[in-house]
Structures are given as structure tokens and as C-alpha cells.
Amino acid sequence: TGDIGLWLPGGRLKIIDRKKNIFKLAQGEYVAPEKIENVYARSKFVAQSFVHGDSLMPSLVAVVVPDEEVLLPWAAKSGHPAGGDFKRLCADPAVAKMVHQSMLSVGEGAGLKGFEQVKA
């Protein structure tokens, strides 16, 4: 992927840098993932994100870590059945869709072009 990582205790991987800060999508557009990640960090639901693209694919995807301190109160306020269980909230497709919509809204407000927005 061009990323540089660090293995953490417990077998977790932390992305700490990139070898290349730009890549090309299948349609020929050049994308700077770091710029997009910084935009998505403005979403109150996003604690951290990693944007990935492939020159053989037409769209971007992201791995997102939701902000637990925002998601849990949101779930309690909205009456979500998972309530205070962060792991269950993260596994819920409806919550993932809500976080994705929040990201798209922030991206649109920041002027990201369609090909710069993540599809999943």
C-alpha cells in the first residue's frame, strides 16, 4: 500500500507514515490521501481514518476508527439498542452508514471532488 507501519503490543498495526503521498486512480485522477484523511478528521464521529486507493479501482475506501467519546453519547441520545457497547456499535451497519454519511457531508463541505470521496 505504500504505508509504513509499527507493530504494537497485542499484534496491532499502527500506520505512522507513507512512502508515497499521492497515487493514481483507474480513471487517471491523482489523489492525495493525507489531504482526504485530514478532511474526514473534522467529522465529530471520526477519531482516525486511513484512505486507500488502487490504480486498478475507480474509487477510494477508508478504514475508520470512530470516536468513542462521541459515538457512545450519540447512541444513548438516539436510543440505539447497543447503547453503551462500543464494540456492538462499531459492528452495526446502520452506525457505519451514519458515520460514512457524516464523512461525506464534511468532505462535501470541504470541497472534495467526487472521486476524492470514499465509497466504503
N, C-alpha and C. Protein backbone atom coordinates (compact mmCIF):
# COMPACT_ATOMS: atom_id res chain seq x y z
N THR A 1 0.81 -1.20 0.00
CA THR A 1 0.00 0.00 0.00
C THR A 1 0.85 1.26 0.00
N GLY A 2 2.14 1.14 0.26
CA GLY A 2 2.99 2.30 0.34
C GLY A 2 3.03 2.92 1.73
N ASP A 3 2.42 2.24 2.70
CA ASP A 3 2.39 2.77 4.06
C ASP A 3 3.52 2.18 4.88
N ILE A 4 3.93 2.93 5.90
CA ILE A 4 4.95 2.47 6.84
C ILE A 4 4.25 2.28 8.17
N GLY A 5 4.41 1.09 8.75
CA GLY A 5 3.70 0.77 9.98
C GLY A 5 4.62 0.39 11.11
N LEU A 6 4.03 0.32 12.29
CA LEU A 6 4.73 -0.06 13.50
C LEU A 6 3.86 -1.08 14.22
N TRP A 7 4.43 -2.24 14.54
CA TRP A 7 3.67 -3.25 15.27
C TRP A 7 3.62 -2.86 16.74
N LEU A 8 2.43 -2.85 17.30
CA LEU A 8 2.20 -2.51 18.70
C LEU A 8 1.99 -3.78 19.52
N PRO A 9 2.12 -3.69 20.84
CA PRO A 9 1.83 -4.86 21.67
C PRO A 9 0.42 -5.38 21.39
N GLY A 10 0.27 -6.66 21.44
CA GLY A 10 -1.03 -7.27 21.16
C GLY A 10 -1.24 -7.55 19.69
N GLY A 11 -0.22 -7.33 18.85
CA GLY A 11 -0.33 -7.63 17.44
C GLY A 11 -1.06 -6.59 16.62
N ARG A 12 -1.25 -5.38 17.14
CA ARG A 12 -1.93 -4.32 16.40
C ARG A 12 -0.93 -3.57 15.54
N LEU A 13 -1.39 -3.07 14.41
CA LEU A 13 -0.56 -2.32 13.48
C LEU A 13 -0.97 -0.85 13.51
N LYS A 14 0.01 0.04 13.68
CA LYS A 14 -0.24 1.48 13.65
C LYS A 14 0.45 2.04 12.42
N ILE A 15 -0.32 2.71 11.55
CA ILE A 15 0.25 3.35 10.37
C ILE A 15 0.89 4.66 10.84
N ILE A 16 2.18 4.82 10.56
CA ILE A 16 2.89 6.00 11.05
C ILE A 16 3.38 6.92 9.94
N ASP A 17 3.42 6.44 8.70
CA ASP A 17 3.90 7.28 7.61
C ASP A 17 3.54 6.64 6.27
N ARG A 18 3.82 7.35 5.19
CA ARG A 18 3.62 6.84 3.84
C ARG A 18 4.89 7.03 3.05
N LYS A 19 5.18 6.06 2.18
CA LYS A 19 6.31 6.21 1.25
C LYS A 19 5.94 7.20 0.15
N LYS A 20 4.71 7.08 -0.35
CA LYS A 20 4.22 7.99 -1.39
C LYS A 20 2.99 8.69 -0.84
N ASN A 21 2.88 9.98 -1.06
CA ASN A 21 1.72 10.72 -0.57
C ASN A 21 0.72 11.05 -1.66
N ILE A 22 0.82 10.35 -2.78
CA ILE A 22 -0.10 10.57 -3.88
C ILE A 22 -0.19 9.28 -4.71
N PHE A 23 -1.36 9.00 -5.23
CA PHE A 23 -1.49 7.85 -6.13
C PHE A 23 -2.55 8.15 -7.18
N LYS A 24 -2.61 7.30 -8.17
CA LYS A 24 -3.49 7.49 -9.32
C LYS A 24 -4.61 6.46 -9.29
N LEU A 25 -5.85 6.91 -9.52
CA LEU A 25 -6.98 6.00 -9.60
C LEU A 25 -7.15 5.49 -11.04
N ALA A 26 -8.05 4.54 -11.22
CA ALA A 26 -8.24 3.90 -12.52
C ALA A 26 -8.62 4.90 -13.63
N GLN A 27 -9.35 5.97 -13.29
CA GLN A 27 -9.75 6.94 -14.32
C GLN A 27 -8.63 7.92 -14.65
N GLY A 28 -7.52 7.86 -13.92
CA GLY A 28 -6.39 8.74 -14.19
C GLY A 28 -6.26 9.93 -13.25
N GLU A 29 -7.20 10.08 -12.29
CA GLU A 29 -7.11 11.18 -11.34
C GLU A 29 -6.05 10.88 -10.29
N TYR A 30 -5.31 11.91 -9.92
CA TYR A 30 -4.33 11.78 -8.84
C TYR A 30 -4.99 12.19 -7.53
N VAL A 31 -4.71 11.43 -6.49
CA VAL A 31 -5.34 11.63 -5.19
C VAL A 31 -4.26 11.72 -4.12
N ALA A 32 -4.43 12.66 -3.20
CA ALA A 32 -3.55 12.80 -2.04
C ALA A 32 -4.32 12.33 -0.81
N PRO A 33 -4.11 11.08 -0.38
CA PRO A 33 -4.92 10.53 0.71
C PRO A 33 -4.78 11.28 2.03
N GLU A 34 -3.61 11.82 2.29
CA GLU A 34 -3.41 12.55 3.55
C GLU A 34 -4.35 13.75 3.65
N LYS A 35 -4.54 14.44 2.54
CA LYS A 35 -5.47 15.58 2.50
C LYS A 35 -6.88 15.13 2.84
N ILE A 36 -7.30 14.01 2.27
CA ILE A 36 -8.65 13.49 2.49
C ILE A 36 -8.81 13.04 3.94
N GLU A 37 -7.81 12.36 4.48
CA GLU A 37 -7.86 11.92 5.87
C GLU A 37 -7.99 13.11 6.82
N ASN A 38 -7.28 14.19 6.51
CA ASN A 38 -7.36 15.40 7.35
C ASN A 38 -8.75 16.03 7.28
N VAL A 39 -9.39 15.97 6.12
CA VAL A 39 -10.75 16.48 5.99
C VAL A 39 -11.70 15.62 6.81
N TYR A 40 -11.61 14.30 6.66
CA TYR A 40 -12.52 13.41 7.38
C TYR A 40 -12.32 13.49 8.89
N ALA A 41 -11.14 13.88 9.35
CA ALA A 41 -10.89 14.03 10.78
C ALA A 41 -11.76 15.14 11.38
N ARG A 42 -12.32 16.01 10.54
CA ARG A 42 -13.21 17.07 11.01
C ARG A 42 -14.59 16.54 11.39
N SER A 43 -14.92 15.33 10.95
CA SER A 43 -16.20 14.74 11.35
C SER A 43 -16.13 14.40 12.83
N LYS A 44 -17.14 14.78 13.57
CA LYS A 44 -17.11 14.54 15.01
C LYS A 44 -17.11 13.05 15.35
N PHE A 45 -17.54 12.21 14.43
CA PHE A 45 -17.58 10.78 14.68
C PHE A 45 -16.27 10.05 14.37
N VAL A 46 -15.33 10.72 13.72
CA VAL A 46 -14.09 10.08 13.26
C VAL A 46 -12.92 10.43 14.18
N ALA A 47 -12.34 9.40 14.81
CA ALA A 47 -11.14 9.60 15.61
C ALA A 47 -9.91 9.49 14.73
N GLN A 48 -9.95 8.53 13.80
CA GLN A 48 -8.80 8.30 12.91
C GLN A 48 -9.30 7.63 11.64
N SER A 49 -8.65 7.94 10.51
CA SER A 49 -9.03 7.28 9.26
C SER A 49 -7.78 7.01 8.42
N PHE A 50 -7.91 6.00 7.59
CA PHE A 50 -6.87 5.62 6.65
C PHE A 50 -7.54 5.46 5.29
N VAL A 51 -7.17 6.28 4.32
CA VAL A 51 -7.76 6.25 2.98
C VAL A 51 -6.85 5.46 2.06
N HIS A 52 -7.46 4.54 1.30
CA HIS A 52 -6.70 3.68 0.39
C HIS A 52 -7.31 3.73 -1.00
N GLY A 53 -6.45 3.74 -1.98
CA GLY A 53 -6.88 3.69 -3.37
C GLY A 53 -5.97 2.78 -4.15
N ASP A 54 -6.46 2.30 -5.29
CA ASP A 54 -5.71 1.37 -6.13
C ASP A 54 -5.84 1.85 -7.57
N SER A 55 -4.75 1.80 -8.31
CA SER A 55 -4.78 2.27 -9.70
C SER A 55 -5.67 1.40 -10.60
N LEU A 56 -6.09 0.25 -10.11
CA LEU A 56 -6.98 -0.62 -10.88
C LEU A 56 -8.44 -0.44 -10.49
N MET A 57 -8.69 0.38 -9.47
CA MET A 57 -10.05 0.57 -8.97
C MET A 57 -10.47 2.03 -9.16
N PRO A 58 -11.77 2.26 -9.39
CA PRO A 58 -12.24 3.63 -9.67
C PRO A 58 -12.53 4.48 -8.43
N SER A 59 -12.53 3.88 -7.25
CA SER A 59 -12.91 4.67 -6.07
C SER A 59 -12.02 4.35 -4.87
N LEU A 60 -12.14 5.23 -3.88
CA LEU A 60 -11.37 5.09 -2.65
C LEU A 60 -12.18 4.37 -1.59
N VAL A 61 -11.47 3.76 -0.65
CA VAL A 61 -12.09 3.16 0.54
C VAL A 61 -11.34 3.71 1.75
N ALA A 62 -11.96 3.56 2.92
CA ALA A 62 -11.31 4.04 4.14
C ALA A 62 -11.52 3.05 5.27
N VAL A 63 -10.53 2.95 6.11
CA VAL A 63 -10.65 2.26 7.39
C VAL A 63 -10.80 3.37 8.42
N VAL A 64 -11.87 3.32 9.18
CA VAL A 64 -12.19 4.42 10.10
C VAL A 64 -12.31 3.89 11.52
N VAL A 65 -11.70 4.62 12.44
CA VAL A 65 -11.87 4.36 13.87
C VAL A 65 -12.82 5.43 14.39
N PRO A 66 -14.01 5.02 14.81
CA PRO A 66 -14.96 6.02 15.34
C PRO A 66 -14.47 6.59 16.67
N ASP A 67 -14.89 7.80 16.96
CA ASP A 67 -14.56 8.44 18.23
C ASP A 67 -15.52 7.94 19.30
N GLU A 68 -14.99 7.14 20.20
CA GLU A 68 -15.82 6.51 21.25
C GLU A 68 -16.49 7.56 22.13
N GLU A 69 -15.79 8.64 22.41
CA GLU A 69 -16.34 9.68 23.29
C GLU A 69 -17.49 10.44 22.65
N VAL A 70 -17.63 10.34 21.35
CA VAL A 70 -18.75 10.97 20.65
C VAL A 70 -19.83 9.94 20.33
N LEU A 71 -19.41 8.75 19.93
CA LEU A 71 -20.36 7.72 19.50
C LEU A 71 -21.23 7.21 20.64
N LEU A 72 -20.65 6.99 21.81
CA LEU A 72 -21.44 6.46 22.93
C LEU A 72 -22.54 7.43 23.37
N PRO A 73 -22.25 8.72 23.56
CA PRO A 73 -23.35 9.64 23.90
C PRO A 73 -24.38 9.75 22.78
N TRP A 74 -23.93 9.70 21.52
CA TRP A 74 -24.88 9.74 20.40
C TRP A 74 -25.82 8.54 20.47
N ALA A 75 -25.27 7.36 20.75
CA ALA A 75 -26.09 6.14 20.83
C ALA A 75 -27.11 6.23 21.96
N ALA A 76 -26.67 6.75 23.11
CA ALA A 76 -27.58 6.89 24.25
C ALA A 76 -28.69 7.88 23.92
N LYS A 77 -28.33 8.99 23.31
CA LYS A 77 -29.31 10.03 22.98
C LYS A 77 -30.30 9.56 21.92
N SER A 78 -29.81 8.80 20.94
CA SER A 78 -30.69 8.35 19.85
C SER A 78 -31.43 7.05 20.19
N GLY A 79 -31.18 6.49 21.37
CA GLY A 79 -31.87 5.26 21.77
C GLY A 79 -31.42 4.03 21.01
N HIS A 80 -30.19 4.00 20.57
CA HIS A 80 -29.67 2.85 19.83
C HIS A 80 -29.67 1.63 20.75
N PRO A 81 -30.10 0.45 20.24
CA PRO A 81 -30.18 -0.76 21.08
C PRO A 81 -28.82 -1.21 21.64
N ALA A 82 -27.71 -0.87 21.00
CA ALA A 82 -26.40 -1.28 21.50
C ALA A 82 -25.96 -0.41 22.68
N GLY A 83 -26.66 0.71 22.86
CA GLY A 83 -26.41 1.59 23.99
C GLY A 83 -24.96 1.94 24.20
N GLY A 84 -24.40 1.53 25.33
CA GLY A 84 -23.04 1.88 25.69
C GLY A 84 -22.00 0.86 25.28
N ASP A 85 -22.34 -0.06 24.38
CA ASP A 85 -21.39 -1.10 23.95
C ASP A 85 -20.71 -0.65 22.65
N PHE A 86 -19.51 -0.09 22.79
CA PHE A 86 -18.78 0.47 21.65
C PHE A 86 -18.52 -0.58 20.57
N LYS A 87 -18.17 -1.78 20.99
CA LYS A 87 -17.86 -2.85 20.02
C LYS A 87 -19.11 -3.18 19.19
N ARG A 88 -20.26 -3.28 19.83
CA ARG A 88 -21.50 -3.57 19.10
C ARG A 88 -21.89 -2.41 18.18
N LEU A 89 -21.67 -1.19 18.64
CA LEU A 89 -21.97 -0.03 17.79
C LEU A 89 -21.12 -0.05 16.53
N CYS A 90 -19.84 -0.36 16.69
CA CYS A 90 -18.93 -0.40 15.54
C CYS A 90 -19.30 -1.50 14.55
N ALA A 91 -19.91 -2.57 15.04
CA ALA A 91 -20.28 -3.70 14.18
C ALA A 91 -21.64 -3.49 13.50
N ASP A 92 -22.37 -2.47 13.89
CA ASP A 92 -23.71 -2.23 13.36
C ASP A 92 -23.62 -1.51 12.01
N PRO A 93 -24.15 -2.12 10.93
CA PRO A 93 -24.11 -1.49 9.61
C PRO A 93 -24.81 -0.13 9.56
N ALA A 94 -25.84 0.06 10.36
CA ALA A 94 -26.54 1.35 10.37
C ALA A 94 -25.65 2.43 10.96
N VAL A 95 -24.87 2.10 11.97
CA VAL A 95 -23.94 3.07 12.56
C VAL A 95 -22.83 3.37 11.56
N ALA A 96 -22.31 2.35 10.89
CA ALA A 96 -21.27 2.56 9.87
C ALA A 96 -21.79 3.48 8.77
N LYS A 97 -23.04 3.29 8.37
CA LYS A 97 -23.63 4.13 7.33
C LYS A 97 -23.75 5.58 7.81
N MET A 98 -24.15 5.76 9.07
CA MET A 98 -24.28 7.10 9.63
C MET A 98 -22.93 7.81 9.69
N VAL A 99 -21.88 7.09 10.12
CA VAL A 99 -20.53 7.66 10.18
C VAL A 99 -20.06 8.01 8.77
N HIS A 100 -20.32 7.11 7.80
CA HIS A 100 -19.94 7.37 6.41
C HIS A 100 -20.65 8.61 5.88
N GLN A 101 -21.93 8.75 6.16
CA GLN A 101 -22.68 9.93 5.70
C GLN A 101 -22.11 11.21 6.31
N SER A 102 -21.70 11.12 7.58
CA SER A 102 -21.08 12.27 8.24
C SER A 102 -19.78 12.64 7.53
N MET A 103 -19.00 11.64 7.17
CA MET A 103 -17.74 11.88 6.45
C MET A 103 -18.00 12.52 5.09
N LEU A 104 -18.98 12.01 4.36
CA LEU A 104 -19.31 12.56 3.04
C LEU A 104 -19.76 14.01 3.14
N SER A 105 -20.55 14.30 4.17
CA SER A 105 -21.03 15.66 4.38
C SER A 105 -19.87 16.61 4.67
N VAL A 106 -18.95 16.19 5.54
CA VAL A 106 -17.78 17.00 5.86
C VAL A 106 -16.92 17.17 4.60
N GLY A 107 -16.75 16.09 3.84
CA GLY A 107 -15.96 16.14 2.61
C GLY A 107 -16.55 17.10 1.59
N GLU A 108 -17.87 17.05 1.45
CA GLU A 108 -18.54 17.95 0.51
C GLU A 108 -18.36 19.40 0.95
N GLY A 109 -18.51 19.64 2.24
CA GLY A 109 -18.34 20.99 2.77
C GLY A 109 -16.92 21.52 2.58
N ALA A 110 -15.95 20.60 2.56
CA ALA A 110 -14.54 21.00 2.39
C ALA A 110 -14.14 21.08 0.92
N GLY A 111 -15.08 20.77 0.03
CA GLY A 111 -14.81 20.89 -1.40
C GLY A 111 -14.13 19.68 -2.03
N LEU A 112 -14.23 18.51 -1.38
CA LEU A 112 -13.66 17.31 -2.00
C LEU A 112 -14.44 16.98 -3.26
N LYS A 113 -13.74 16.60 -4.30
CA LYS A 113 -14.39 16.20 -5.56
C LYS A 113 -14.95 14.79 -5.39
N GLY A 114 -15.84 14.40 -6.26
CA GLY A 114 -16.49 13.09 -6.17
C GLY A 114 -15.52 11.94 -6.09
N PHE A 115 -14.46 11.97 -6.89
CA PHE A 115 -13.50 10.87 -6.89
C PHE A 115 -12.62 10.88 -5.63
N GLU A 116 -12.64 12.00 -4.88
CA GLU A 116 -11.88 12.08 -3.64
C GLU A 116 -12.65 11.55 -2.43
N GLN A 117 -13.95 11.36 -2.60
CA GLN A 117 -14.78 10.86 -1.51
C GLN A 117 -14.71 9.33 -1.47
N VAL A 118 -14.66 8.77 -0.26
CA VAL A 118 -14.59 7.32 -0.13
C VAL A 118 -15.97 6.72 -0.39
N LYS A 119 -15.97 5.53 -0.98
CA LYS A 119 -17.23 4.85 -1.29
C LYS A 119 -17.60 3.85 -0.21
N ALA A 120 -16.65 3.44 0.57
CA ALA A 120 -16.91 2.48 1.64
C ALA A 120 -15.88 2.67 2.74
